[in-house]
């Protein structure tokens, strides 16, 4: 699995809920998830993602557009993909999720009747591109399905949920639970990522425990201020040595410090 599949998983969780099952009981075929999503959107029907379920095809008449190349090229889904799926959900079921555009302005959000079930894909900001999750309210409990298995609400999500489901926060205090679901591997683009850079007066070295071989826009902005001679007419080189890869999604800070200490001690970080 790559680093940009939070939107894929959020949609998969929503379809599993639509099929009246629980995402925490399902193991998806990760290699077929993007082709399956593309097939659903192109052919305009809903079917469960490949796993131990029999697909349930449902026809759909679209009103929204989305960029197919983002799915094909293994990039992170955007609001258009999520809203396209939301529109499918509205037409093919009794669920009425809000558009992601409304979720950016909570004044346009109304409370979901506490006696109505509700599925909603939500977005939370990160230090890079952010992260999609899926929530499900079954009239008694709010379930938060997060492919990073974070067990608390991000402030962005909390703000929206307080508008959608205030009975989870007022005196009723209906429970919010975080089932453990299939994990999105190496999802640095969802939660942010630390790297270490080293300038030796001739070359700028970028040490990244994910071994990405290009500068993220956030990093590039900072480096252009720190080392403008790598971008002006001097064009001092920037190189990306291959280093030991982190084996989970939480240790980028540890590796960055380790790389810095290695450089400080005059050892090789390669």
Protein backbone atom coordinates (compact mmCIF):
# COMPACT_ATOMS: atom_id res chain seq x y z
CA UNK A 1 0.00 0.00 0.00
CA UNK A 2 1.23 3.47 -0.82
CA UNK A 3 1.11 6.70 1.12
CA UNK A 4 -2.05 8.27 -0.28
CA UNK A 5 -4.91 5.82 0.29
CA UNK A 6 -6.86 7.40 3.16
CA UNK A 7 -9.61 8.51 0.74
CA UNK A 8 -9.80 5.02 -0.78
CA UNK A 9 -10.20 3.45 2.66
CA UNK A 10 -12.77 6.06 3.75
CA UNK A 11 -14.93 5.21 0.73
CA UNK A 12 -14.42 1.46 1.30
CA UNK A 13 -15.51 1.84 4.93
CA UNK A 14 -18.62 3.76 3.84
CA UNK A 15 -19.62 1.06 1.34
CA UNK A 16 -19.08 -1.65 3.96
CA UNK A 17 -21.44 0.26 6.27
CA UNK A 18 -23.95 0.61 3.42
CA UNK A 19 -23.82 -3.21 3.10
CA UNK A 20 -24.72 -3.36 6.81
CA UNK A 21 -21.41 -4.78 7.91
CA UNK A 22 -18.61 -3.35 10.06
CA UNK A 23 -15.30 -2.08 8.61
CA UNK A 24 -13.39 -3.38 11.63
CA UNK A 25 -14.42 -6.92 10.66
CA UNK A 26 -13.27 -6.66 7.05
CA UNK A 27 -9.88 -7.19 5.41
CA UNK A 28 -9.83 -5.57 1.98
CA UNK A 29 -7.73 -6.76 -0.95
CA UNK A 30 -5.40 -3.77 -0.98
CA UNK A 31 -3.99 -4.47 -4.45
CA UNK A 32 -7.43 -4.24 -6.04
CA UNK A 33 -8.80 -1.24 -4.17
CA UNK A 34 -7.90 1.49 -6.69
CA UNK A 35 -8.96 -0.51 -9.79
CA UNK A 36 -12.22 -1.38 -8.02
CA UNK A 37 -12.94 2.27 -7.11
CA UNK A 38 -12.24 3.37 -10.67
CA UNK A 39 -14.60 0.68 -11.98
CA UNK A 40 -17.36 1.89 -9.63
CA UNK A 41 -17.00 5.52 -10.64
CA UNK A 42 -16.66 4.84 -14.38
CA UNK A 43 -19.54 2.36 -14.53
CA UNK A 44 -21.66 4.31 -12.04
CA UNK A 45 -22.66 1.64 -9.55
CA UNK A 46 -21.76 0.65 -6.00
CA UNK A 47 -20.29 -2.72 -5.09
CA UNK A 48 -18.37 -3.80 -2.03
CA UNK A 49 -14.60 -3.60 -2.32
CA UNK A 50 -12.92 -7.00 -2.90
CA UNK A 51 -12.84 -9.00 0.33
CA UNK A 52 -15.02 -11.74 1.76
CA UNK A 53 -18.26 -10.12 0.55
CA UNK A 54 -20.32 -10.72 -2.59
CA UNK A 55 -20.44 -7.40 -4.50
CA UNK A 56 -23.85 -5.70 -4.57
CA UNK A 57 -24.06 -3.64 -7.80
CA UNK A 58 -26.35 -0.60 -7.73
CA UNK A 59 -26.76 1.75 -10.70
CA UNK A 60 -26.03 5.46 -10.36
CA UNK A 61 -26.81 8.55 -12.43
CA UNK A 62 -23.98 11.02 -11.84
CA UNK A 63 -24.13 14.80 -11.61
CA UNK A 64 -20.56 15.43 -10.49
CA UNK A 65 -17.16 14.94 -12.15
CA UNK A 66 -13.85 13.62 -10.83
CA UNK A 67 -10.30 13.15 -12.11
CA UNK A 68 -9.75 9.50 -13.09
CA UNK A 69 -6.00 10.01 -13.51
CA UNK A 70 -5.57 10.65 -9.78
CA UNK A 71 -6.82 7.12 -9.07
CA UNK A 72 -4.88 5.55 -11.94
CA UNK A 73 -1.62 7.32 -11.05
CA UNK A 74 -1.77 6.29 -7.40
CA UNK A 75 -2.23 9.83 -6.07
CA UNK A 76 -4.24 11.04 -3.10
CA UNK A 77 -7.97 11.44 -3.66
CA UNK A 78 -9.36 14.96 -3.47
CA UNK A 79 -12.71 16.51 -2.53
CA UNK A 80 -14.14 15.82 -6.00
CA UNK A 81 -13.76 12.06 -5.55
CA UNK A 82 -15.30 12.13 -2.09
CA UNK A 83 -18.22 14.32 -3.19
CA UNK A 84 -18.80 12.09 -6.24
CA UNK A 85 -19.09 9.13 -3.89
CA UNK A 86 -21.30 11.15 -1.51
CA UNK A 87 -23.62 11.85 -4.46
CA UNK A 88 -23.72 8.12 -5.25
CA UNK A 89 -24.58 7.40 -1.63
CA UNK A 90 -27.44 9.94 -1.69
CA UNK A 91 -28.97 8.50 -4.85
CA UNK A 92 -28.57 4.85 -3.97
CA UNK A 93 -29.50 4.83 -0.30
CA UNK A 94 -31.34 6.77 2.38
CA UNK A 95 -28.09 8.32 3.67
CA UNK A 96 -27.56 12.06 3.10
CA UNK A 97 -23.90 12.94 3.64
CA UNK A 98 -22.85 16.57 3.43
CA UNK A 99 -20.66 17.80 0.59
CA UNK A 100 -17.07 18.50 1.57
CA UNK A 101 -17.70 22.12 0.53
CA UNK A 102 -20.30 22.47 3.27
CA UNK A 103 -17.98 20.90 5.79
CA UNK A 104 -15.56 23.79 5.29
CA UNK A 105 -18.25 26.18 6.54
CA UNK A 106 -19.91 24.74 9.63
CA UNK A 107 -22.57 27.48 9.59
CA UNK A 108 -24.17 25.55 6.70
CA UNK A 109 -24.29 22.27 8.64
CA UNK A 110 -27.47 21.19 10.42
CA UNK A 111 -27.80 18.60 13.14
CA UNK A 112 -28.53 15.02 12.07
CA UNK A 113 -31.70 13.79 13.73
CA UNK A 114 -30.56 11.56 16.56
CA UNK A 115 -33.00 8.88 15.40
CA UNK A 116 -31.53 8.77 11.87
CA UNK A 117 -28.50 6.78 10.81
CA UNK A 118 -25.77 8.77 9.07
CA UNK A 119 -22.59 8.04 7.08
CA UNK A 120 -20.11 10.88 6.52
CA UNK A 121 -16.59 11.08 5.10
CA UNK A 122 -14.66 13.88 6.79
CA UNK A 123 -11.39 15.63 6.07
CA UNK A 124 -8.81 16.78 8.59
CA UNK A 125 -5.85 18.99 7.88
CA UNK A 126 -2.28 17.73 8.28
CA UNK A 127 1.16 19.22 7.85
CA UNK A 128 1.11 17.82 4.31
CA UNK A 129 -2.08 16.97 2.39
CA UNK A 130 -4.40 15.99 5.23
CA UNK A 131 -6.43 12.86 5.86
CA UNK A 132 -9.91 11.43 5.11
CA UNK A 133 -11.85 9.34 7.63
CA UNK A 134 -15.31 7.77 7.66
CA UNK A 135 -17.86 8.22 10.46
CA UNK A 136 -21.05 6.24 11.07
CA UNK A 137 -23.85 7.07 13.50
CA UNK A 138 -26.23 4.15 14.20
CA UNK A 139 -28.62 6.20 16.41
CA UNK A 140 -26.87 5.03 19.58
CA UNK A 141 -23.12 5.34 18.96
CA UNK A 142 -20.84 7.34 16.67
CA UNK A 143 -18.18 5.13 15.08
CA UNK A 144 -15.00 6.71 13.70
CA UNK A 145 -13.23 4.57 11.10
CA UNK A 146 -9.71 5.82 10.48
CA UNK A 147 -7.25 3.91 8.28
CA UNK A 148 -4.42 5.33 10.44
CA UNK A 149 -6.19 3.94 13.54
CA UNK A 150 -5.86 7.21 15.43
CA UNK A 151 -7.96 6.84 18.55
CA UNK A 152 -8.95 10.47 19.06
CA UNK A 153 -10.73 13.21 17.13
CA UNK A 154 -8.70 15.75 15.20
CA UNK A 155 -9.86 19.31 15.96
CA UNK A 156 -11.21 19.70 12.39
CA UNK A 157 -13.28 16.54 12.71
CA UNK A 158 -14.43 17.43 16.21
CA UNK A 159 -15.74 20.81 15.02
CA UNK A 160 -17.88 19.19 12.33
CA UNK A 161 -19.10 16.30 14.49
CA UNK A 162 -20.24 18.72 17.19
CA UNK A 163 -22.52 20.26 14.56
CA UNK A 164 -23.69 16.96 13.06
CA UNK A 165 -24.07 15.01 16.30
CA UNK A 166 -24.28 17.41 19.28
CA UNK A 167 -25.90 14.67 21.37
CA UNK A 168 -22.45 13.05 21.53
CA UNK A 169 -21.19 16.08 23.44
CA UNK A 170 -24.13 17.48 25.44
CA UNK A 171 -25.71 16.00 28.55
CA UNK A 172 -26.77 12.88 26.60
CA UNK A 173 -23.12 12.08 25.83
CA UNK A 174 -23.85 9.36 23.30
CA UNK A 175 -20.62 7.37 22.98
CA UNK A 176 -17.94 7.90 20.32
CA UNK A 177 -15.86 4.83 19.59
CA UNK A 178 -12.84 4.13 17.38
CA UNK A 179 -12.91 0.55 16.03
CA UNK A 180 -9.55 -0.82 14.91
CA UNK A 181 -9.66 -1.26 11.13
CA UNK A 182 -7.32 -2.40 8.39
CA UNK A 183 -4.26 -0.19 8.56
CA UNK A 184 -3.13 2.19 5.83
CA UNK A 185 0.61 1.46 5.55
CA UNK A 186 3.25 4.22 5.26
CA UNK A 187 0.68 7.00 5.31
CA UNK A 188 3.05 9.89 5.85
CA UNK A 189 1.03 12.16 3.57
CA UNK A 190 -1.88 11.93 6.00
CA UNK A 191 -0.21 12.80 9.29
CA UNK A 192 2.89 14.77 8.33
CA UNK A 193 6.50 13.69 8.09
CA UNK A 194 9.88 14.74 9.50
CA UNK A 195 13.07 14.66 7.43
CA UNK A 196 16.69 15.71 8.02
CA UNK A 197 18.70 17.96 5.67
CA UNK A 198 22.46 18.55 5.65
CA UNK A 199 24.37 21.22 3.70
CA UNK A 200 28.13 20.63 3.44
CA UNK A 201 28.86 23.96 1.65
CA UNK A 202 28.75 22.22 -1.73
CA UNK A 203 25.67 20.00 -1.75
CA UNK A 204 22.36 19.84 0.11
CA UNK A 205 21.59 16.30 1.26
CA UNK A 206 17.98 15.32 2.06
CA UNK A 207 17.71 12.30 4.39
CA UNK A 208 14.17 10.90 4.39
CA UNK A 209 13.26 7.67 6.20
CA UNK A 210 10.52 7.13 3.63
CA UNK A 211 13.11 7.48 0.85
CA UNK A 212 10.99 9.88 -1.15
CA UNK A 213 13.25 11.26 -3.85
CA UNK A 214 11.72 14.71 -4.23
CA UNK A 215 11.01 17.77 -2.11
CA UNK A 216 7.56 18.25 -0.65
CA UNK A 217 6.23 21.78 -1.31
CA UNK A 218 6.40 22.63 2.43
CA UNK A 219 10.06 21.54 2.59
CA UNK A 220 10.89 23.29 -0.66
CA UNK A 221 9.52 26.59 0.67
CA UNK A 222 11.76 26.42 3.73
CA UNK A 223 14.86 25.26 1.84
CA UNK A 224 14.51 28.11 -0.66
CA UNK A 225 14.83 30.49 2.29
CA UNK A 226 17.64 28.57 4.01
CA UNK A 227 19.66 27.69 0.90
CA UNK A 228 18.67 29.98 -2.00
CA UNK A 229 21.96 29.14 -3.76
CA UNK A 230 20.48 25.72 -4.50
CA UNK A 231 17.82 27.40 -6.64
CA UNK A 232 19.42 30.56 -8.10
CA UNK A 233 22.02 30.77 -10.86
CA UNK A 234 24.57 28.85 -8.75
CA UNK A 235 22.23 25.84 -8.60
CA UNK A 236 24.17 23.96 -5.98
CA UNK A 237 23.01 20.32 -6.14
CA UNK A 238 20.33 18.72 -3.98
CA UNK A 239 20.65 14.98 -3.54
CA UNK A 240 18.55 12.31 -1.86
CA UNK A 241 20.72 9.50 -0.45
CA UNK A 242 18.93 6.19 0.12
CA UNK A 243 18.79 5.54 3.87
CA UNK A 244 17.34 2.97 6.22
CA UNK A 245 13.54 2.99 5.86
CA UNK A 246 11.22 3.30 8.82
CA UNK A 247 9.05 0.22 9.32
CA UNK A 248 5.99 1.98 10.71
CA UNK A 249 4.21 5.33 10.29
CA UNK A 250 5.27 6.99 13.54
CA UNK A 251 9.08 6.89 13.62
CA UNK A 252 9.99 9.61 11.10
CA UNK A 253 10.98 12.00 13.93
CA UNK A 254 13.16 9.35 15.55
CA UNK A 255 14.92 8.61 12.27
CA UNK A 256 15.41 12.32 11.52
CA UNK A 257 17.12 12.81 14.88
CA UNK A 258 19.21 9.67 14.32
CA UNK A 259 20.33 10.98 10.92
CA UNK A 260 21.26 14.34 12.46
CA UNK A 261 23.29 12.69 15.25
CA UNK A 262 25.05 10.47 12.69
CA UNK A 263 26.00 13.55 10.66
CA UNK A 264 27.12 15.38 13.79
CA UNK A 265 29.43 12.46 14.66
CA UNK A 266 30.90 12.55 11.16
CA UNK A 267 29.54 9.15 10.20
CA UNK A 268 27.72 8.24 6.98
CA UNK A 269 23.92 8.31 6.93
CA UNK A 270 23.73 6.25 3.76
